[in-house]
N, C-alpha and C. Protein backbone atom coordinates (compact mmCIF):
# COMPACT_ATOMS: atom_id res chain seq x y z
N UNK A 1 -13.87 -120.32 62.81
CA UNK A 1 -14.97 -120.80 61.99
C UNK A 1 -15.47 -119.69 61.06
N UNK A 2 -15.62 -118.50 61.61
CA UNK A 2 -16.03 -117.37 60.80
C UNK A 2 -15.02 -117.06 59.72
N UNK A 3 -13.72 -117.25 60.02
CA UNK A 3 -12.64 -117.02 59.06
C UNK A 3 -12.80 -117.94 57.84
N UNK A 4 -13.08 -119.22 58.09
CA UNK A 4 -13.27 -120.18 57.00
C UNK A 4 -14.46 -119.78 56.14
N UNK A 5 -15.54 -119.39 56.78
CA UNK A 5 -16.72 -118.97 56.04
C UNK A 5 -16.39 -117.78 55.14
N UNK A 6 -15.59 -116.86 55.62
CA UNK A 6 -15.19 -115.70 54.85
C UNK A 6 -14.35 -116.12 53.64
N UNK A 7 -13.42 -117.08 53.82
CA UNK A 7 -12.62 -117.58 52.71
C UNK A 7 -13.50 -118.22 51.65
N UNK A 8 -14.46 -119.04 52.07
CA UNK A 8 -15.36 -119.69 51.11
C UNK A 8 -16.16 -118.66 50.33
N UNK A 9 -16.65 -117.63 51.01
CA UNK A 9 -17.39 -116.58 50.33
C UNK A 9 -16.51 -115.86 49.32
N UNK A 10 -15.27 -115.60 49.70
CA UNK A 10 -14.34 -114.91 48.80
C UNK A 10 -14.09 -115.75 47.55
N UNK A 11 -13.92 -117.07 47.73
CA UNK A 11 -13.70 -117.93 46.56
C UNK A 11 -14.90 -117.94 45.64
N UNK A 12 -16.10 -117.99 46.21
CA UNK A 12 -17.30 -117.98 45.38
C UNK A 12 -17.39 -116.67 44.59
N UNK A 13 -17.09 -115.55 45.26
CA UNK A 13 -17.16 -114.26 44.60
C UNK A 13 -16.07 -114.11 43.55
N UNK A 14 -14.91 -114.72 43.78
CA UNK A 14 -13.76 -114.58 42.87
C UNK A 14 -13.81 -115.59 41.73
N UNK A 15 -14.74 -116.52 41.75
CA UNK A 15 -14.83 -117.55 40.72
C UNK A 15 -14.86 -116.91 39.34
N UNK A 16 -13.91 -117.28 38.47
CA UNK A 16 -13.87 -116.66 37.15
C UNK A 16 -15.06 -117.09 36.30
N UNK A 17 -15.41 -116.27 35.38
CA UNK A 17 -16.49 -116.59 34.47
C UNK A 17 -15.97 -117.50 33.38
N UNK A 18 -16.82 -118.38 32.89
CA UNK A 18 -16.43 -119.29 31.81
C UNK A 18 -15.89 -118.54 30.60
N UNK A 19 -16.39 -117.33 30.29
CA UNK A 19 -15.78 -116.64 29.15
C UNK A 19 -14.28 -116.44 29.28
N UNK A 20 -13.72 -116.35 30.48
CA UNK A 20 -12.27 -116.23 30.65
C UNK A 20 -11.58 -117.48 30.11
N UNK A 21 -12.16 -118.64 30.32
CA UNK A 21 -11.61 -119.88 29.79
C UNK A 21 -11.64 -119.82 28.27
N UNK A 22 -12.75 -119.42 27.72
CA UNK A 22 -12.89 -119.34 26.27
C UNK A 22 -11.94 -118.30 25.68
N UNK A 23 -11.73 -117.20 26.39
CA UNK A 23 -10.79 -116.17 25.91
C UNK A 23 -9.36 -116.71 25.86
N UNK A 24 -8.98 -117.51 26.86
CA UNK A 24 -7.65 -118.12 26.84
C UNK A 24 -7.50 -119.01 25.61
N UNK A 25 -8.49 -119.82 25.33
CA UNK A 25 -8.44 -120.70 24.15
C UNK A 25 -8.34 -119.86 22.87
N UNK A 26 -9.10 -118.79 22.79
CA UNK A 26 -9.08 -117.94 21.60
C UNK A 26 -7.73 -117.27 21.40
N UNK A 27 -6.99 -117.00 22.48
CA UNK A 27 -5.67 -116.36 22.37
C UNK A 27 -4.56 -117.35 22.04
N UNK A 28 -4.89 -118.63 22.03
CA UNK A 28 -3.90 -119.68 21.85
C UNK A 28 -4.01 -120.26 20.45
N UNK A 29 -2.87 -120.46 19.80
CA UNK A 29 -2.87 -121.02 18.45
C UNK A 29 -2.48 -122.49 18.42
N UNK A 30 -1.82 -122.95 19.48
CA UNK A 30 -1.44 -124.37 19.53
C UNK A 30 -1.67 -124.90 20.94
N UNK A 31 -1.80 -126.21 21.02
CA UNK A 31 -1.99 -126.87 22.31
C UNK A 31 -0.76 -127.70 22.63
N UNK A 32 -0.49 -127.81 23.91
CA UNK A 32 0.55 -128.71 24.37
C UNK A 32 -0.12 -130.06 24.61
N UNK A 33 0.48 -131.11 24.08
CA UNK A 33 -0.08 -132.46 24.18
C UNK A 33 0.77 -133.31 25.11
N UNK A 34 0.13 -134.06 25.96
CA UNK A 34 0.80 -135.06 26.78
C UNK A 34 0.17 -136.40 26.44
N UNK A 35 0.99 -137.32 25.93
CA UNK A 35 0.50 -138.65 25.54
C UNK A 35 1.39 -139.71 26.18
N UNK A 36 0.93 -140.95 26.12
CA UNK A 36 1.74 -142.09 26.57
C UNK A 36 1.67 -143.18 25.53
N UNK A 37 2.76 -143.96 25.43
CA UNK A 37 2.75 -145.08 24.49
C UNK A 37 2.26 -146.35 25.19
N UNK A 38 2.28 -147.46 24.48
CA UNK A 38 1.77 -148.73 25.01
C UNK A 38 2.51 -149.18 26.26
N UNK A 39 3.77 -148.78 26.40
CA UNK A 39 4.56 -149.15 27.59
C UNK A 39 4.41 -148.14 28.71
N UNK A 40 3.63 -147.09 28.50
CA UNK A 40 3.44 -146.07 29.51
C UNK A 40 4.48 -144.98 29.52
N UNK A 41 5.33 -144.94 28.48
CA UNK A 41 6.35 -143.90 28.39
C UNK A 41 5.70 -142.59 27.97
N UNK A 42 5.88 -141.53 28.75
CA UNK A 42 5.25 -140.25 28.40
C UNK A 42 5.94 -139.55 27.26
N UNK A 43 5.18 -138.74 26.56
CA UNK A 43 5.71 -137.92 25.47
C UNK A 43 4.96 -136.60 25.50
N UNK A 44 5.68 -135.50 25.38
CA UNK A 44 5.03 -134.20 25.28
C UNK A 44 5.37 -133.58 23.95
N UNK A 45 4.43 -132.84 23.42
CA UNK A 45 4.61 -132.20 22.14
C UNK A 45 3.61 -131.05 22.04
N UNK A 46 3.42 -130.54 20.85
CA UNK A 46 2.42 -129.51 20.63
C UNK A 46 1.87 -129.67 19.22
N UNK A 47 0.73 -129.02 19.00
CA UNK A 47 0.15 -129.01 17.66
C UNK A 47 -0.76 -127.79 17.52
N UNK A 48 -0.74 -127.14 16.36
CA UNK A 48 -1.72 -126.10 16.09
C UNK A 48 -3.12 -126.74 16.08
N UNK A 49 -4.14 -125.97 16.42
CA UNK A 49 -5.48 -126.54 16.52
C UNK A 49 -6.53 -125.56 16.01
N UNK A 50 -7.71 -126.08 15.79
CA UNK A 50 -8.92 -125.28 15.64
C UNK A 50 -9.99 -125.93 16.52
N UNK A 51 -10.93 -125.13 16.94
CA UNK A 51 -12.04 -125.63 17.76
C UNK A 51 -13.32 -125.53 16.95
N UNK A 52 -14.06 -126.63 16.92
CA UNK A 52 -15.38 -126.66 16.32
C UNK A 52 -16.31 -127.22 17.39
N UNK A 53 -17.28 -126.40 17.77
CA UNK A 53 -18.16 -126.73 18.89
C UNK A 53 -17.28 -127.03 20.09
N UNK A 54 -17.38 -128.22 20.65
CA UNK A 54 -16.60 -128.52 21.85
C UNK A 54 -15.47 -129.52 21.56
N UNK A 55 -15.02 -129.57 20.32
CA UNK A 55 -13.94 -130.47 19.94
C UNK A 55 -12.78 -129.66 19.39
N UNK A 56 -11.57 -130.06 19.78
CA UNK A 56 -10.35 -129.43 19.28
C UNK A 56 -9.75 -130.38 18.25
N UNK A 57 -9.43 -129.86 17.08
CA UNK A 57 -8.89 -130.68 16.00
C UNK A 57 -7.44 -130.32 15.74
N UNK A 58 -6.63 -131.37 15.56
CA UNK A 58 -5.22 -131.20 15.22
C UNK A 58 -4.89 -132.08 14.02
N UNK A 59 -4.04 -131.57 13.14
CA UNK A 59 -3.58 -132.31 11.96
C UNK A 59 -2.13 -132.67 12.24
N UNK A 60 -1.88 -133.97 12.42
CA UNK A 60 -0.57 -134.41 12.92
C UNK A 60 -0.01 -135.56 12.08
N UNK A 61 1.32 -135.65 12.07
CA UNK A 61 2.03 -136.63 11.24
C UNK A 61 2.43 -137.86 12.04
N UNK A 62 2.37 -139.02 11.39
CA UNK A 62 2.83 -140.27 12.02
C UNK A 62 4.34 -140.27 12.23
N UNK A 63 5.05 -139.29 11.69
CA UNK A 63 6.48 -139.20 11.95
C UNK A 63 6.73 -138.74 13.40
N UNK A 64 5.69 -138.24 14.07
CA UNK A 64 5.79 -137.78 15.46
C UNK A 64 5.26 -138.86 16.41
N UNK A 65 5.95 -139.06 17.53
CA UNK A 65 5.54 -140.07 18.51
C UNK A 65 4.12 -139.84 19.01
N UNK A 66 3.78 -138.59 19.22
CA UNK A 66 2.46 -138.32 19.79
C UNK A 66 1.33 -138.77 18.87
N UNK A 67 1.56 -138.77 17.56
CA UNK A 67 0.50 -139.17 16.63
C UNK A 67 0.17 -140.65 16.78
N UNK A 68 1.18 -141.50 16.88
CA UNK A 68 0.92 -142.93 17.10
C UNK A 68 0.20 -143.12 18.42
N UNK A 69 0.65 -142.43 19.46
CA UNK A 69 -0.01 -142.55 20.77
C UNK A 69 -1.48 -142.14 20.67
N UNK A 70 -1.76 -141.07 19.95
CA UNK A 70 -3.14 -140.61 19.79
C UNK A 70 -3.94 -141.57 18.91
N UNK A 71 -3.34 -142.03 17.82
CA UNK A 71 -4.04 -142.93 16.90
C UNK A 71 -4.40 -144.26 17.56
N UNK A 72 -3.62 -144.66 18.56
CA UNK A 72 -3.92 -145.89 19.28
C UNK A 72 -5.10 -145.72 20.24
N UNK A 73 -5.65 -144.51 20.29
CA UNK A 73 -6.88 -144.27 21.06
C UNK A 73 -6.69 -144.03 22.54
N UNK A 74 -5.46 -143.82 22.96
CA UNK A 74 -5.23 -143.54 24.37
C UNK A 74 -5.69 -142.12 24.71
N UNK A 75 -6.10 -141.96 25.95
CA UNK A 75 -6.47 -140.62 26.39
C UNK A 75 -5.24 -139.72 26.36
N UNK A 76 -5.50 -138.44 26.34
CA UNK A 76 -4.42 -137.46 26.36
C UNK A 76 -4.78 -136.33 27.29
N UNK A 77 -3.80 -135.57 27.63
CA UNK A 77 -4.00 -134.33 28.36
C UNK A 77 -3.54 -133.20 27.44
N UNK A 78 -4.31 -132.14 27.42
CA UNK A 78 -4.06 -131.02 26.54
C UNK A 78 -3.98 -129.75 27.38
N UNK A 79 -2.99 -128.90 27.10
CA UNK A 79 -2.86 -127.66 27.86
C UNK A 79 -2.85 -126.44 26.95
N UNK A 80 -3.65 -125.47 27.34
CA UNK A 80 -3.64 -124.13 26.76
C UNK A 80 -2.99 -123.26 27.83
N UNK A 81 -2.00 -122.46 27.47
CA UNK A 81 -1.29 -121.69 28.49
C UNK A 81 -0.95 -120.30 27.98
N UNK A 82 -1.05 -119.35 28.88
CA UNK A 82 -0.73 -117.96 28.58
C UNK A 82 0.71 -117.85 28.09
N UNK A 83 0.93 -117.02 27.12
CA UNK A 83 2.27 -116.78 26.58
C UNK A 83 3.17 -116.25 27.69
N UNK A 84 4.38 -116.79 27.77
CA UNK A 84 5.34 -116.34 28.79
C UNK A 84 5.59 -114.84 28.72
N UNK A 85 5.64 -114.29 27.53
CA UNK A 85 5.94 -112.87 27.40
C UNK A 85 4.79 -111.99 27.90
N UNK A 86 3.61 -112.56 28.06
CA UNK A 86 2.45 -111.78 28.49
C UNK A 86 2.17 -111.92 29.99
N UNK A 87 2.85 -112.83 30.65
CA UNK A 87 2.55 -113.07 32.06
C UNK A 87 3.29 -112.10 32.97
N UNK A 88 2.65 -111.77 34.08
CA UNK A 88 3.29 -110.92 35.08
C UNK A 88 4.05 -111.76 36.09
N UNK A 89 3.65 -113.00 36.26
CA UNK A 89 4.29 -113.89 37.24
C UNK A 89 4.43 -115.28 36.61
N UNK A 90 5.65 -115.70 36.36
CA UNK A 90 5.92 -116.96 35.65
C UNK A 90 5.34 -118.17 36.40
N UNK A 91 5.26 -118.11 37.72
CA UNK A 91 4.70 -119.22 38.50
C UNK A 91 3.18 -119.26 38.46
N UNK A 92 2.58 -118.23 37.95
CA UNK A 92 1.12 -118.16 38.01
C UNK A 92 0.51 -117.90 36.63
N UNK A 93 1.11 -118.50 35.59
CA UNK A 93 0.57 -118.31 34.24
C UNK A 93 -0.84 -118.86 34.16
N UNK A 94 -1.71 -118.13 33.48
CA UNK A 94 -3.07 -118.60 33.24
C UNK A 94 -2.99 -119.84 32.36
N UNK A 95 -3.77 -120.88 32.73
CA UNK A 95 -3.72 -122.11 31.95
C UNK A 95 -4.99 -122.94 32.13
N UNK A 96 -5.25 -123.71 31.12
CA UNK A 96 -6.36 -124.66 31.11
C UNK A 96 -5.78 -126.01 30.72
N UNK A 97 -5.97 -127.00 31.56
CA UNK A 97 -5.53 -128.36 31.25
C UNK A 97 -6.76 -129.24 31.21
N UNK A 98 -6.91 -129.98 30.13
CA UNK A 98 -8.07 -130.86 30.01
C UNK A 98 -7.64 -132.28 29.69
N UNK A 99 -8.38 -133.21 30.21
CA UNK A 99 -8.26 -134.60 29.78
C UNK A 99 -9.21 -134.75 28.60
N UNK A 100 -8.78 -135.53 27.61
CA UNK A 100 -9.59 -135.64 26.40
C UNK A 100 -9.61 -137.06 25.87
N UNK A 101 -10.76 -137.45 25.36
CA UNK A 101 -10.83 -138.69 24.59
C UNK A 101 -10.53 -138.31 23.14
N UNK A 102 -10.26 -139.32 22.33
CA UNK A 102 -9.72 -139.08 21.00
C UNK A 102 -10.56 -139.78 19.94
N UNK A 103 -10.71 -139.12 18.79
CA UNK A 103 -11.30 -139.77 17.63
C UNK A 103 -10.48 -139.37 16.41
N UNK A 104 -10.42 -140.27 15.45
CA UNK A 104 -9.72 -139.98 14.21
C UNK A 104 -10.77 -139.68 13.14
N UNK A 105 -10.55 -138.60 12.39
CA UNK A 105 -11.50 -138.18 11.36
C UNK A 105 -11.10 -138.81 10.03
N UNK A 106 -12.08 -139.39 9.37
CA UNK A 106 -11.81 -140.04 8.09
C UNK A 106 -11.43 -139.01 7.03
N UNK A 107 -10.34 -139.31 6.34
CA UNK A 107 -9.85 -138.42 5.27
C UNK A 107 -10.95 -138.21 4.22
N UNK A 108 -11.09 -136.97 3.77
CA UNK A 108 -12.04 -136.56 2.73
C UNK A 108 -13.50 -136.65 3.14
N UNK A 109 -13.76 -136.88 4.44
CA UNK A 109 -15.14 -136.83 4.92
C UNK A 109 -15.57 -135.37 5.01
N UNK A 110 -16.85 -135.13 5.25
CA UNK A 110 -17.34 -133.76 5.40
C UNK A 110 -16.63 -133.04 6.56
N UNK A 111 -16.45 -133.76 7.67
CA UNK A 111 -15.75 -133.17 8.82
C UNK A 111 -14.31 -132.85 8.45
N UNK A 112 -13.64 -133.78 7.78
CA UNK A 112 -12.25 -133.55 7.34
C UNK A 112 -12.17 -132.25 6.53
N UNK A 113 -13.01 -132.14 5.51
CA UNK A 113 -12.97 -130.99 4.61
C UNK A 113 -13.26 -129.68 5.34
N UNK A 114 -14.24 -129.69 6.22
CA UNK A 114 -14.59 -128.50 6.99
C UNK A 114 -13.45 -128.08 7.91
N UNK A 115 -12.90 -129.04 8.65
CA UNK A 115 -11.85 -128.72 9.62
C UNK A 115 -10.56 -128.32 8.93
N UNK A 116 -10.19 -129.01 7.86
CA UNK A 116 -8.97 -128.63 7.13
C UNK A 116 -9.10 -127.21 6.59
N UNK A 117 -10.28 -126.84 6.10
CA UNK A 117 -10.49 -125.47 5.62
C UNK A 117 -10.33 -124.47 6.78
N UNK A 118 -10.83 -124.80 7.95
CA UNK A 118 -10.66 -123.92 9.12
C UNK A 118 -9.20 -123.84 9.56
N UNK A 119 -8.51 -124.97 9.50
CA UNK A 119 -7.08 -124.96 9.84
C UNK A 119 -6.32 -124.05 8.87
N UNK A 120 -6.66 -124.13 7.60
CA UNK A 120 -6.00 -123.28 6.60
C UNK A 120 -6.30 -121.81 6.87
N UNK A 121 -7.55 -121.51 7.15
CA UNK A 121 -7.96 -120.13 7.43
C UNK A 121 -7.22 -119.59 8.67
N UNK A 122 -7.03 -120.45 9.65
CA UNK A 122 -6.41 -120.04 10.92
C UNK A 122 -4.89 -120.03 10.86
N UNK A 123 -4.31 -121.04 10.20
CA UNK A 123 -2.86 -121.24 10.28
C UNK A 123 -2.12 -121.08 8.94
N UNK A 124 -2.83 -120.79 7.88
CA UNK A 124 -2.17 -120.48 6.62
C UNK A 124 -2.17 -121.60 5.59
N UNK A 125 -1.61 -121.27 4.43
CA UNK A 125 -1.62 -122.16 3.27
C UNK A 125 -0.81 -123.43 3.45
N UNK A 126 0.10 -123.45 4.41
CA UNK A 126 0.88 -124.67 4.67
C UNK A 126 -0.05 -125.86 4.93
N UNK A 127 -1.24 -125.59 5.42
CA UNK A 127 -2.20 -126.66 5.70
C UNK A 127 -2.57 -127.40 4.42
N UNK A 128 -2.67 -126.69 3.30
CA UNK A 128 -2.94 -127.35 2.02
C UNK A 128 -1.89 -128.42 1.72
N UNK A 129 -0.65 -128.09 1.98
CA UNK A 129 0.46 -129.00 1.69
C UNK A 129 0.42 -130.21 2.62
N UNK A 130 0.34 -129.96 3.92
CA UNK A 130 0.41 -131.10 4.85
C UNK A 130 -0.84 -131.96 4.84
N UNK A 131 -1.99 -131.37 4.52
CA UNK A 131 -3.23 -132.16 4.46
C UNK A 131 -3.18 -133.19 3.34
N UNK A 132 -2.37 -132.94 2.32
CA UNK A 132 -2.23 -133.87 1.20
C UNK A 132 -1.23 -134.99 1.50
N UNK A 133 -0.40 -134.81 2.51
CA UNK A 133 0.59 -135.83 2.84
C UNK A 133 -0.12 -136.99 3.55
N UNK A 134 0.15 -138.20 3.08
CA UNK A 134 -0.57 -139.38 3.59
C UNK A 134 -0.23 -139.74 5.03
N UNK A 135 0.90 -139.23 5.56
CA UNK A 135 1.24 -139.55 6.95
C UNK A 135 0.53 -138.64 7.94
N UNK A 136 -0.19 -137.62 7.45
CA UNK A 136 -0.93 -136.73 8.34
C UNK A 136 -2.36 -137.24 8.53
N UNK A 137 -2.80 -137.21 9.78
CA UNK A 137 -4.18 -137.59 10.11
C UNK A 137 -4.80 -136.46 10.92
N UNK A 138 -6.11 -136.43 10.89
CA UNK A 138 -6.86 -135.42 11.63
C UNK A 138 -7.45 -136.08 12.88
N UNK A 139 -7.11 -135.52 14.01
CA UNK A 139 -7.55 -136.06 15.31
C UNK A 139 -8.50 -135.08 15.97
N UNK A 140 -9.59 -135.60 16.52
CA UNK A 140 -10.50 -134.81 17.34
C UNK A 140 -10.21 -135.08 18.81
N UNK A 141 -10.04 -134.02 19.58
CA UNK A 141 -9.81 -134.12 21.02
C UNK A 141 -11.09 -133.64 21.71
N UNK A 142 -11.72 -134.54 22.46
CA UNK A 142 -13.01 -134.28 23.09
C UNK A 142 -12.82 -134.15 24.60
N UNK A 143 -12.97 -132.94 25.16
CA UNK A 143 -12.75 -132.75 26.59
C UNK A 143 -13.66 -133.64 27.43
N UNK A 144 -13.09 -134.18 28.51
CA UNK A 144 -13.89 -134.95 29.47
C UNK A 144 -13.96 -134.24 30.82
N UNK A 145 -12.86 -133.61 31.22
CA UNK A 145 -12.82 -132.80 32.44
C UNK A 145 -11.49 -132.08 32.47
N UNK A 146 -11.33 -131.17 33.40
CA UNK A 146 -10.07 -130.45 33.45
C UNK A 146 -9.97 -129.48 34.60
N UNK A 147 -9.00 -128.58 34.47
CA UNK A 147 -8.76 -127.57 35.49
C UNK A 147 -8.32 -126.27 34.82
N UNK A 148 -8.79 -125.17 35.39
CA UNK A 148 -8.43 -123.83 34.93
C UNK A 148 -7.76 -123.11 36.09
N UNK A 149 -6.59 -122.53 35.82
CA UNK A 149 -5.83 -121.80 36.84
C UNK A 149 -5.59 -120.39 36.32
N UNK A 150 -5.88 -119.40 37.14
CA UNK A 150 -5.60 -118.03 36.73
C UNK A 150 -4.90 -117.23 37.83
N UNK A 151 -4.06 -117.92 38.60
CA UNK A 151 -3.26 -117.25 39.62
C UNK A 151 -3.10 -118.11 40.86
N UNK A 152 -2.31 -117.63 41.80
CA UNK A 152 -2.10 -118.36 43.05
C UNK A 152 -3.42 -118.53 43.79
N UNK A 153 -3.71 -119.76 44.22
CA UNK A 153 -4.93 -120.04 44.96
C UNK A 153 -6.18 -119.89 44.14
N UNK A 154 -6.06 -119.81 42.84
CA UNK A 154 -7.20 -119.60 41.96
C UNK A 154 -7.25 -120.71 40.91
N UNK A 155 -7.61 -121.90 41.37
CA UNK A 155 -7.68 -123.07 40.50
C UNK A 155 -9.10 -123.65 40.59
N UNK A 156 -9.63 -124.04 39.44
CA UNK A 156 -11.02 -124.47 39.36
C UNK A 156 -11.15 -125.73 38.52
N UNK A 157 -12.08 -126.59 38.90
CA UNK A 157 -12.43 -127.72 38.07
C UNK A 157 -13.30 -127.22 36.92
N UNK A 158 -13.13 -127.82 35.75
CA UNK A 158 -14.02 -127.54 34.62
C UNK A 158 -14.62 -128.86 34.14
N UNK A 159 -15.81 -128.76 33.56
CA UNK A 159 -16.47 -129.96 33.07
C UNK A 159 -16.16 -130.18 31.59
N UNK A 160 -16.81 -131.16 30.98
CA UNK A 160 -16.55 -131.51 29.58
C UNK A 160 -16.93 -130.38 28.62
N UNK A 161 -17.76 -129.44 29.08
CA UNK A 161 -18.13 -128.29 28.26
C UNK A 161 -17.23 -127.08 28.53
N UNK A 162 -16.19 -127.30 29.33
CA UNK A 162 -15.23 -126.27 29.73
C UNK A 162 -15.88 -125.17 30.55
N UNK A 163 -16.92 -125.54 31.26
CA UNK A 163 -17.61 -124.64 32.18
C UNK A 163 -16.96 -124.78 33.56
N UNK A 164 -16.73 -123.65 34.22
CA UNK A 164 -16.17 -123.65 35.58
C UNK A 164 -17.18 -124.32 36.51
N UNK A 165 -16.71 -125.30 37.28
CA UNK A 165 -17.60 -125.99 38.21
C UNK A 165 -17.43 -125.50 39.64
N UNK A 166 -16.22 -125.66 40.17
CA UNK A 166 -15.99 -125.30 41.57
C UNK A 166 -14.52 -125.03 41.81
N UNK A 167 -14.27 -124.35 42.93
CA UNK A 167 -12.89 -124.07 43.32
C UNK A 167 -12.19 -125.39 43.61
N UNK A 168 -10.96 -125.51 43.20
CA UNK A 168 -10.23 -126.77 43.28
C UNK A 168 -9.67 -127.06 44.66
N UNK A 169 -9.35 -126.02 45.44
CA UNK A 169 -8.72 -126.25 46.73
C UNK A 169 -9.11 -125.13 47.68
N UNK A 170 -10.09 -125.40 48.54
CA UNK A 170 -10.51 -124.38 49.50
C UNK A 170 -9.51 -124.17 50.61
N UNK A 171 -8.43 -124.96 50.65
CA UNK A 171 -7.40 -124.82 51.69
C UNK A 171 -6.39 -123.74 51.34
N UNK A 172 -6.34 -123.34 50.08
CA UNK A 172 -5.30 -122.41 49.60
C UNK A 172 -3.93 -123.02 49.80
N UNK A 173 -2.90 -122.28 49.48
CA UNK A 173 -1.54 -122.76 49.64
C UNK A 173 -1.17 -122.66 51.12
N UNK A 174 -0.53 -123.69 51.61
CA UNK A 174 -0.11 -123.72 53.02
C UNK A 174 1.38 -123.45 53.11
N UNK A 175 1.78 -122.73 54.11
CA UNK A 175 3.20 -122.50 54.35
C UNK A 175 3.72 -123.53 55.35
N UNK A 176 5.05 -123.76 55.32
CA UNK A 176 5.65 -124.70 56.25
C UNK A 176 5.47 -124.25 57.67
């Protein structure tokens, strides 16, 4: 019983600060997207993003399967993950996975213009070209909940504000 209490105390003390989550996002230039179509067929892809307040914006083309899936208003899962070349242990890459609701931003609206300018500032002049293409739409990804992992036995639930809530598994990894 005392052993369990010690493990719980250790997890509370080891709980990462929310700034670590924000630092991971800041080090990431694109998000991995997981979407599903009307038949439930999964699709994974990626897109460069910018963050404004608590929304992640992506400019995506209808030539890609994920864009139709997103435009149809289905929920998505989005992952930010540490670069493979920067990790010390491939099985324990730092990552944030969030479930997100979706909104489409009206072309030439104030939000469109602001976000496209930020995308250009972040990802270069190519944004000017693709923003003019009619098959590209701007999608807002709004976090609803998620999980942050920064090593073995170090997984945490996060809320819609990407704030660390609690340790995800007080049992730790079990051996056979």
